[in-house]
Amino acid sequence: MGIFGAKTGTKEVFITAVVTRADGTKEDIGLISYVGNNPLKKALVKINNIKRKVF
């Protein structure tokens, strides 16, 4: 686990993950967290995240 810092004035942050296994295969976990001020964009990110889990 790392500690991340952001400059002041940051408007949005996306945190995504990719897991690399011991045998070298990579598994894209996708979006883990989103923080932003725009409520419309927050809703769109939630909808897209739900669609990825369902399909």
Protein backbone atom coordinates (compact mmCIF):
# COMPACT_ATOMS: atom_id res chain seq x y z
CA MET A 1 0.00 0.00 0.00
CA GLY A 2 1.41 3.36 -0.92
CA ILE A 3 0.72 6.88 0.18
CA PHE A 4 -0.25 9.26 -2.57
CA GLY A 5 -0.30 13.02 -2.43
CA ALA A 6 -1.99 15.45 -4.77
CA LYS A 7 -1.31 19.05 -5.57
CA THR A 8 -3.86 21.57 -4.41
CA GLY A 9 -6.50 22.33 -6.99
CA THR A 10 -6.96 18.70 -8.06
CA LYS A 11 -10.44 18.38 -9.53
CA GLU A 12 -10.80 14.61 -9.83
CA VAL A 13 -8.93 11.39 -9.10
CA PHE A 14 -9.31 7.93 -10.65
CA ILE A 15 -7.69 4.92 -8.97
CA THR A 16 -7.40 1.79 -11.12
CA ALA A 17 -5.59 -1.51 -10.54
CA VAL A 18 -3.85 -4.20 -12.56
CA VAL A 19 -2.73 -7.38 -10.80
CA THR A 20 0.37 -9.18 -12.11
CA ARG A 21 0.42 -12.85 -11.11
CA ALA A 22 3.54 -14.91 -10.37
CA ASP A 23 3.24 -16.65 -13.75
CA GLY A 24 3.28 -13.28 -15.53
CA THR A 25 -0.41 -13.01 -16.43
CA LYS A 26 -2.04 -9.65 -15.90
CA GLU A 27 -5.58 -9.18 -14.64
CA ASP A 28 -7.18 -5.77 -15.09
CA ILE A 29 -9.26 -5.08 -11.98
CA GLY A 30 -10.44 -1.75 -13.36
CA LEU A 31 -11.74 1.26 -11.52
CA ILE A 32 -11.43 1.01 -7.75
CA SER A 33 -12.29 4.54 -6.70
CA TYR A 34 -13.32 7.88 -8.16
CA VAL A 35 -13.41 11.19 -6.36
CA GLY A 36 -14.65 14.34 -8.06
CA ASN A 37 -16.82 17.39 -7.63
CA ASN A 38 -19.09 17.04 -10.66
CA PRO A 39 -22.28 15.13 -9.65
CA LEU A 40 -23.12 14.25 -13.28
CA LYS A 41 -19.70 12.73 -13.87
CA LYS A 42 -19.95 10.83 -10.56
CA ALA A 43 -23.22 9.29 -11.73
CA LEU A 44 -21.74 8.33 -15.12
CA VAL A 45 -18.74 6.69 -13.47
CA LYS A 46 -21.06 4.69 -11.17
CA ILE A 47 -23.20 3.55 -14.11
CA ASN A 48 -20.15 2.49 -16.12
CA ASN A 49 -18.71 0.64 -13.13
CA ILE A 50 -21.98 -1.26 -12.61
CA LYS A 51 -22.13 -2.15 -16.32
CA ARG A 52 -18.60 -3.59 -16.17
CA LYS A 53 -19.52 -5.79 -13.19
CA VAL A 54 -22.72 -7.07 -14.80
CA PHE A 55 -21.38 -7.79 -18.30
